[in-house]
Amino acid sequence: MVGFAKLTEGEDMAAIIVPSSNLTEAALVAHCPARLSPDKRPRKSVFMRELPRNANGKISRAKLRQQLESASEA
């Protein structure tokens, strides 16, 4: 989960998914309401082949936010 900027309210949550099977966005949307309260559900779902990592091999949340914002602008 990564926060992304909203114009008036600050930040909201997005799920970044690297699927290991034939997971679809529709299946994810159907899965979340049964397991997450409305305030904890991601507002966006983005599928990626791999997550960006820094030199230490950790997931780079800053790069994820940049990619999420650039995808929103496109």
PDB file of N, CA and C in Angstrom:
ATOM      1  N   MET A   1       0.850  -1.160   0.000  1.00  0.00           N
ATOM      2  CA  MET A   1       0.000   0.000   0.000  1.00  0.00           C
ATOM      3  C   MET A   1       0.904   1.235   0.000  1.00  0.00           C
ATOM      4  N   VAL A   2       0.509   2.200  -0.802  1.00  0.00           N
ATOM      5  CA  VAL A   2       1.253   3.445  -0.926  1.00  0.00           C
ATOM      6  C   VAL A   2       0.262   4.585  -0.928  1.00  0.00           C
ATOM      7  N   GLY A   3       0.597   5.670  -0.244  1.00  0.00           N
ATOM      8  CA  GLY A   3      -0.244   6.860  -0.273  1.00  0.00           C
ATOM      9  C   GLY A   3      -0.041   7.615  -1.564  1.00  0.00           C
ATOM     10  N   PHE A   4      -1.118   8.225  -2.064  1.00  0.00           N
ATOM     11  CA  PHE A   4      -0.996   9.086  -3.239  1.00  0.00           C
ATOM     12  C   PHE A   4      -1.732  10.385  -2.963  1.00  0.00           C
ATOM     13  N   ALA A   5      -1.284  11.461  -3.591  1.00  0.00           N
ATOM     14  CA  ALA A   5      -1.826  12.791  -3.331  1.00  0.00           C
ATOM     15  C   ALA A   5      -3.220  12.955  -3.918  1.00  0.00           C
ATOM     16  N   LYS A   6      -4.091  13.586  -3.125  1.00  0.00           N
ATOM     17  CA  LYS A   6      -5.407  13.998  -3.601  1.00  0.00           C
ATOM     18  C   LYS A   6      -5.412  15.519  -3.557  1.00  0.00           C
ATOM     19  N   LEU A   7      -6.168  16.138  -4.428  1.00  0.00           N
ATOM     20  CA  LEU A   7      -6.106  17.590  -4.526  1.00  0.00           C
ATOM     21  C   LEU A   7      -6.529  18.301  -3.240  1.00  0.00           C
ATOM     22  N   THR A   8      -7.639  17.902  -2.638  1.00  0.00           N
ATOM     23  CA  THR A   8      -8.146  18.648  -1.492  1.00  0.00           C
ATOM     24  C   THR A   8      -7.980  17.949  -0.153  1.00  0.00           C
ATOM     25  N   GLU A   9      -7.949  16.627  -0.134  1.00  0.00           N
ATOM     26  CA  GLU A   9      -7.969  15.912   1.135  1.00  0.00           C
ATOM     27  C   GLU A   9      -6.615  15.429   1.628  1.00  0.00           C
ATOM     28  N   GLY A  10      -5.541  15.629   0.920  1.00  0.00           N
ATOM     29  CA  GLY A  10      -4.245  15.139   1.356  1.00  0.00           C
ATOM     30  C   GLY A  10      -3.839  13.882   0.623  1.00  0.00           C
ATOM     31  N   GLU A  11      -3.869  12.712   1.303  1.00  0.00           N
ATOM     32  CA  GLU A  11      -3.459  11.461   0.682  1.00  0.00           C
ATOM     33  C   GLU A  11      -4.554  10.411   0.787  1.00  0.00           C
ATOM     34  N   ASP A  12      -4.509   9.472  -0.128  1.00  0.00           N
ATOM     35  CA  ASP A  12      -5.394   8.317  -0.124  1.00  0.00           C
ATOM     36  C   ASP A  12      -4.508   7.093  -0.362  1.00  0.00           C
ATOM     37  N   MET A  13      -5.074   5.892  -0.305  1.00  0.00           N
ATOM     38  CA  MET A  13      -4.277   4.678  -0.417  1.00  0.00           C
ATOM     39  C   MET A  13      -4.461   3.991  -1.778  1.00  0.00           C
ATOM     40  N   ALA A  14      -3.364   3.445  -2.275  1.00  0.00           N
ATOM     41  CA  ALA A  14      -3.384   2.663  -3.510  1.00  0.00           C
ATOM     42  C   ALA A  14      -2.710   1.324  -3.242  1.00  0.00           C
ATOM     43  N   ALA A  15      -3.240   0.279  -3.808  1.00  0.00           N
ATOM     44  CA  ALA A  15      -2.627  -1.054  -3.718  1.00  0.00           C
ATOM     45  C   ALA A  15      -1.775  -1.269  -4.952  1.00  0.00           C
ATOM     46  N   ILE A  16      -0.518  -1.612  -4.731  1.00  0.00           N
ATOM     47  CA  ILE A  16       0.395  -1.947  -5.815  1.00  0.00           C
ATOM     48  C   ILE A  16       0.516  -3.467  -5.792  1.00  0.00           C
ATOM     49  N   ILE A  17       0.133  -4.103  -6.881  1.00  0.00           N
ATOM     50  CA  ILE A  17       0.053  -5.559  -6.911  1.00  0.00           C
ATOM     51  C   ILE A  17       1.004  -6.131  -7.949  1.00  0.00           C
ATOM     52  N   VAL A  18       1.790  -7.106  -7.512  1.00  0.00           N
ATOM     53  CA  VAL A  18       2.601  -7.919  -8.417  1.00  0.00           C
ATOM     54  C   VAL A  18       1.956  -9.300  -8.380  1.00  0.00           C
ATOM     55  N   PRO A  19       1.085  -9.581  -9.360  1.00  0.00           N
ATOM     56  CA  PRO A  19       0.331 -10.841  -9.297  1.00  0.00           C
ATOM     57  C   PRO A  19       1.206 -12.068  -9.528  1.00  0.00           C
ATOM     58  N   SER A  20       0.903 -13.123  -8.764  1.00  0.00           N
ATOM     59  CA  SER A  20       1.618 -14.376  -8.950  1.00  0.00           C
ATOM     60  C   SER A  20       0.769 -15.379  -9.732  1.00  0.00           C
ATOM     61  N   SER A  21      -0.467 -14.992 -10.015  1.00  0.00           N
ATOM     62  CA  SER A  21      -1.356 -15.853 -10.803  1.00  0.00           C
ATOM     63  C   SER A  21      -2.218 -14.958 -11.692  1.00  0.00           C
ATOM     64  N   ASN A  22      -3.347 -15.445 -12.109  1.00  0.00           N
ATOM     65  CA  ASN A  22      -4.227 -14.682 -12.998  1.00  0.00           C
ATOM     66  C   ASN A  22      -5.178 -13.784 -12.210  1.00  0.00           C
ATOM     67  N   LEU A  23      -4.656 -13.036 -11.281  1.00  0.00           N
ATOM     68  CA  LEU A  23      -5.446 -12.107 -10.482  1.00  0.00           C
ATOM     69  C   LEU A  23      -5.891 -10.932 -11.353  1.00  0.00           C
ATOM     70  N   THR A  24      -7.166 -10.570 -11.257  1.00  0.00           N
ATOM     71  CA  THR A  24      -7.694  -9.423 -11.999  1.00  0.00           C
ATOM     72  C   THR A  24      -8.116  -8.345 -11.020  1.00  0.00           C
ATOM     73  N   GLU A  25      -8.275  -7.142 -11.531  1.00  0.00           N
ATOM     74  CA  GLU A  25      -8.727  -6.040 -10.678  1.00  0.00           C
ATOM     75  C   GLU A  25     -10.140  -6.316 -10.164  1.00  0.00           C
ATOM     76  N   ALA A  26     -10.978  -6.925 -10.992  1.00  0.00           N
ATOM     77  CA  ALA A  26     -12.344  -7.256 -10.563  1.00  0.00           C
ATOM     78  C   ALA A  26     -12.330  -8.237  -9.390  1.00  0.00           C
ATOM     79  N   ALA A  27     -11.449  -9.219  -9.426  1.00  0.00           N
ATOM     80  CA  ALA A  27     -11.348 -10.183  -8.331  1.00  0.00           C
ATOM     81  C   ALA A  27     -10.854  -9.505  -7.058  1.00  0.00           C
ATOM     82  N   LEU A  28      -9.931  -8.566  -7.208  1.00  0.00           N
ATOM     83  CA  LEU A  28      -9.423  -7.833  -6.056  1.00  0.00           C
ATOM     84  C   LEU A  28     -10.513  -6.958  -5.442  1.00  0.00           C
ATOM     85  N   VAL A  29     -11.276  -6.278  -6.286  1.00  0.00           N
ATOM     86  CA  VAL A  29     -12.366  -5.423  -5.810  1.00  0.00           C
ATOM     87  C   VAL A  29     -13.422  -6.258  -5.082  1.00  0.00           C
ATOM     88  N   ALA A  30     -13.685  -7.449  -5.555  1.00  0.00           N
ATOM     89  CA  ALA A  30     -14.654  -8.328  -4.902  1.00  0.00           C
ATOM     90  C   ALA A  30     -14.107  -8.883  -3.584  1.00  0.00           C
ATOM     91  N   HIS A  31     -12.804  -9.066  -3.496  1.00  0.00           N
ATOM     92  CA  HIS A  31     -12.171  -9.641  -2.315  1.00  0.00           C
ATOM     93  C   HIS A  31     -12.112  -8.652  -1.143  1.00  0.00           C
ATOM     94  N   CYS A  32     -11.824  -7.396  -1.423  1.00  0.00           N
ATOM     95  CA  CYS A  32     -11.592  -6.406  -0.364  1.00  0.00           C
ATOM     96  C   CYS A  32     -12.794  -6.132   0.538  1.00  0.00           C
ATOM     97  N   PRO A  33     -14.009  -5.933   0.044  1.00  0.00           N
ATOM     98  CA  PRO A  33     -15.118  -5.602   0.945  1.00  0.00           C
ATOM     99  C   PRO A  33     -15.403  -6.668   2.002  1.00  0.00           C
ATOM    100  N   ALA A  34     -15.137  -7.912   1.684  1.00  0.00           N
ATOM    101  CA  ALA A  34     -15.392  -8.984   2.647  1.00  0.00           C
ATOM    102  C   ALA A  34     -14.351  -9.018   3.768  1.00  0.00           C
ATOM    103  N   ARG A  35     -13.196  -8.398   3.546  1.00  0.00           N
ATOM    104  CA  ARG A  35     -12.111  -8.518   4.512  1.00  0.00           C
ATOM    105  C   ARG A  35     -11.616  -7.194   5.086  1.00  0.00           C
ATOM    106  N   LEU A  36     -11.959  -6.088   4.454  1.00  0.00           N
ATOM    107  CA  LEU A  36     -11.471  -4.778   4.910  1.00  0.00           C
ATOM    108  C   LEU A  36     -12.626  -3.822   5.150  1.00  0.00           C
ATOM    109  N   SER A  37     -12.493  -3.009   6.186  1.00  0.00           N
ATOM    110  CA  SER A  37     -13.505  -1.980   6.419  1.00  0.00           C
ATOM    111  C   SER A  37     -13.371  -0.908   5.333  1.00  0.00           C
ATOM    112  N   PRO A  38     -14.427  -0.144   5.081  1.00  0.00           N
ATOM    113  CA  PRO A  38     -14.395   0.834   3.976  1.00  0.00           C
ATOM    114  C   PRO A  38     -13.231   1.819   4.046  1.00  0.00           C
ATOM    115  N   ASP A  39     -12.842   2.231   5.238  1.00  0.00           N
ATOM    116  CA  ASP A  39     -11.755   3.204   5.350  1.00  0.00           C
ATOM    117  C   ASP A  39     -10.373   2.600   5.086  1.00  0.00           C
ATOM    118  N   LYS A  40     -10.272   1.270   5.049  1.00  0.00           N
ATOM    119  CA  LYS A  40      -8.991   0.608   4.807  1.00  0.00           C
ATOM    120  C   LYS A  40      -8.856   0.031   3.410  1.00  0.00           C
ATOM    121  N   ARG A  41      -9.886   0.137   2.615  1.00  0.00           N
ATOM    122  CA  ARG A  41      -9.835  -0.387   1.240  1.00  0.00           C
ATOM    123  C   ARG A  41      -9.037   0.557   0.343  1.00  0.00           C
ATOM    124  N   PRO A  42      -8.217   0.016  -0.541  1.00  0.00           N
ATOM    125  CA  PRO A  42      -7.474   0.885  -1.468  1.00  0.00           C
ATOM    126  C   PRO A  42      -8.427   1.578  -2.435  1.00  0.00           C
ATOM    127  N   ARG A  43      -8.130   2.808  -2.755  1.00  0.00           N
ATOM    128  CA  ARG A  43      -8.948   3.579  -3.703  1.00  0.00           C
ATOM    129  C   ARG A  43      -8.525   3.327  -5.137  1.00  0.00           C
ATOM    130  N   LYS A  44      -7.275   2.895  -5.307  1.00  0.00           N
ATOM    131  CA  LYS A  44      -6.738   2.570  -6.630  1.00  0.00           C
ATOM    132  C   LYS A  44      -6.016   1.243  -6.536  1.00  0.00           C
ATOM    133  N   SER A  45      -5.988   0.523  -7.641  1.00  0.00           N
ATOM    134  CA  SER A  45      -5.217  -0.710  -7.751  1.00  0.00           C
ATOM    135  C   SER A  45      -4.347  -0.610  -8.993  1.00  0.00           C
ATOM    136  N   VAL A  46      -3.063  -0.835  -8.812  1.00  0.00           N
ATOM    137  CA  VAL A  46      -2.112  -0.745  -9.916  1.00  0.00           C
ATOM    138  C   VAL A  46      -1.350  -2.063  -9.987  1.00  0.00           C
ATOM    139  N   PHE A  47      -1.371  -2.700 -11.144  1.00  0.00           N
ATOM    140  CA  PHE A  47      -0.643  -3.949 -11.354  1.00  0.00           C
ATOM    141  C   PHE A  47       0.705  -3.644 -11.987  1.00  0.00           C
ATOM    142  N   MET A  48       1.769  -4.242 -11.438  1.00  0.00           N
ATOM    143  CA  MET A  48       3.125  -4.049 -11.955  1.00  0.00           C
ATOM    144  C   MET A  48       3.792  -5.407 -12.105  1.00  0.00           C
ATOM    145  N   ARG A  49       4.762  -5.485 -12.997  1.00  0.00           N
ATOM    146  CA  ARG A  49       5.523  -6.732 -13.166  1.00  0.00           C
ATOM    147  C   ARG A  49       6.498  -6.941 -12.020  1.00  0.00           C
ATOM    148  N   GLU A  50       7.078  -5.835 -11.532  1.00  0.00           N
ATOM    149  CA  GLU A  50       7.997  -5.898 -10.393  1.00  0.00           C
ATOM    150  C   GLU A  50       7.986  -4.562  -9.673  1.00  0.00           C
ATOM    151  N   LEU A  51       8.391  -4.590  -8.421  1.00  0.00           N
ATOM    152  CA  LEU A  51       8.425  -3.382  -7.614  1.00  0.00           C
ATOM    153  C   LEU A  51       9.796  -2.730  -7.733  1.00  0.00           C
ATOM    154  N   PRO A  52       9.834  -1.389  -7.775  1.00  0.00           N
ATOM    155  CA  PRO A  52      11.138  -0.715  -7.831  1.00  0.00           C
ATOM    156  C   PRO A  52      11.873  -0.884  -6.500  1.00  0.00           C
ATOM    157  N   ARG A  53      13.143  -1.107  -6.578  1.00  0.00           N
ATOM    158  CA  ARG A  53      13.944  -1.342  -5.367  1.00  0.00           C
ATOM    159  C   ARG A  53      15.128  -0.383  -5.332  1.00  0.00           C
ATOM    160  N   ASN A  54      15.585  -0.087  -4.106  1.00  0.00           N
ATOM    161  CA  ASN A  54      16.752   0.778  -3.958  1.00  0.00           C
ATOM    162  C   ASN A  54      18.023  -0.075  -3.998  1.00  0.00           C
ATOM    163  N   ALA A  55      19.168   0.543  -3.747  1.00  0.00           N
ATOM    164  CA  ALA A  55      20.449  -0.162  -3.827  1.00  0.00           C
ATOM    165  C   ALA A  55      20.567  -1.290  -2.806  1.00  0.00           C
ATOM    166  N   ASN A  56      19.821  -1.188  -1.709  1.00  0.00           N
ATOM    167  CA  ASN A  56      19.861  -2.222  -0.673  1.00  0.00           C
ATOM    168  C   ASN A  56      18.856  -3.342  -0.915  1.00  0.00           C
ATOM    169  N   GLY A  57      18.084  -3.242  -1.992  1.00  0.00           N
ATOM    170  CA  GLY A  57      17.100  -4.266  -2.310  1.00  0.00           C
ATOM    171  C   GLY A  57      15.740  -4.061  -1.663  1.00  0.00           C
ATOM    172  N   LYS A  58      15.588  -2.954  -0.947  1.00  0.00           N
ATOM    173  CA  LYS A  58      14.299  -2.660  -0.312  1.00  0.00           C
ATOM    174  C   LYS A  58      13.373  -1.990  -1.319  1.00  0.00           C
ATOM    175  N   ILE A  59      12.067  -2.156  -1.117  1.00  0.00           N
ATOM    176  CA  ILE A  59      11.086  -1.522  -2.003  1.00  0.00           C
ATOM    177  C   ILE A  59      11.165  -0.013  -1.833  1.00  0.00           C
ATOM    178  N   SER A  60      11.253   0.691  -2.946  1.00  0.00           N
ATOM    179  CA  SER A  60      11.346   2.152  -2.932  1.00  0.00           C
ATOM    180  C   SER A  60       9.944   2.761  -3.015  1.00  0.00           C
ATOM    181  N   ARG A  61       9.423   3.169  -1.875  1.00  0.00           N
ATOM    182  CA  ARG A  61       8.087   3.771  -1.843  1.00  0.00           C
ATOM    183  C   ARG A  61       8.051   5.105  -2.591  1.00  0.00           C
ATOM    184  N   ALA A  62       9.148   5.838  -2.550  1.00  0.00           N
ATOM    185  CA  ALA A  62       9.203   7.112  -3.268  1.00  0.00           C
ATOM    186  C   ALA A  62       9.044   6.897  -4.771  1.00  0.00           C
ATOM    187  N   LYS A  63       9.716   5.894  -5.317  1.00  0.00           N
ATOM    188  CA  LYS A  63       9.589   5.602  -6.746  1.00  0.00           C
ATOM    189  C   LYS A  63       8.186   5.089  -7.071  1.00  0.00           C
ATOM    190  N   LEU A  64       7.597   4.311  -6.145  1.00  0.00           N
ATOM    191  CA  LEU A  64       6.220   3.852  -6.350  1.00  0.00           C
ATOM    192  C   LEU A  64       5.265   5.036  -6.439  1.00  0.00           C
ATOM    193  N   ARG A  65       5.424   6.003  -5.525  1.00  0.00           N
ATOM    194  CA  ARG A  65       4.568   7.199  -5.558  1.00  0.00           C
ATOM    195  C   ARG A  65       4.735   7.957  -6.869  1.00  0.00           C
ATOM    196  N   GLN A  66       5.992   8.107  -7.320  1.00  0.00           N
ATOM    197  CA  GLN A  66       6.254   8.798  -8.585  1.00  0.00           C
ATOM    198  C   GLN A  66       5.572   8.090  -9.742  1.00  0.00           C
ATOM    199  N   GLN A  67       5.685   6.770  -9.790  1.00  0.00           N
ATOM    200  CA  GLN A  67       5.058   6.004 -10.868  1.00  0.00           C
ATOM    201  C   GLN A  67       3.540   6.110 -10.792  1.00  0.00           C
ATOM    202  N   LEU A  68       2.997   6.109  -9.594  1.00  0.00           N
ATOM    203  CA  LEU A  68       1.560   6.214  -9.408  1.00  0.00           C
ATOM    204  C   LEU A  68       1.060   7.587  -9.864  1.00  0.00           C
ATOM    205  N   GLU A  69       1.773   8.636  -9.483  1.00  0.00           N
ATOM    206  CA  GLU A  69       1.378   9.983  -9.896  1.00  0.00           C
ATOM    207  C   GLU A  69       1.524  10.179 -11.389  1.00  0.00           C
ATOM    208  N   SER A  70       2.586   9.640 -11.997  1.00  0.00           N
ATOM    209  CA  SER A  70       2.757   9.789 -13.446  1.00  0.00           C
ATOM    210  C   SER A  70       1.700   9.006 -14.202  1.00  0.00           C
ATOM    211  N   ALA A  71       1.270   7.859 -13.658  1.00  0.00           N
ATOM    212  CA  ALA A  71       0.181   7.084 -14.292  1.00  0.00           C
ATOM    213  C   ALA A  71      -1.133   7.824 -14.189  1.00  0.00           C
ATOM    214  N   SER A  72      -1.356   8.560 -13.098  1.00  0.00           N
ATOM    215  CA  SER A  72      -2.590   9.313 -12.911  1.00  0.00           C
ATOM    216  C   SER A  72      -2.668  10.488 -13.872  1.00  0.00           C
ATOM    217  N   GLU A  73      -1.497  11.071 -14.191  1.00  0.00           N
ATOM    218  CA  GLU A  73      -1.466  12.221 -15.086  1.00  0.00           C
ATOM    219  C   GLU A  73      -1.692  11.809 -16.536  1.00  0.00           C
ATOM    220  N   ALA A  74      -1.329  10.599 -16.891  1.00  0.00           N
ATOM    221  CA  ALA A  74      -1.421  10.131 -18.280  1.00  0.00           C
ATOM    222  C   ALA A  74      -2.834   9.839 -18.690  1.00  0.00           C
TER     223      ALA A  74
END
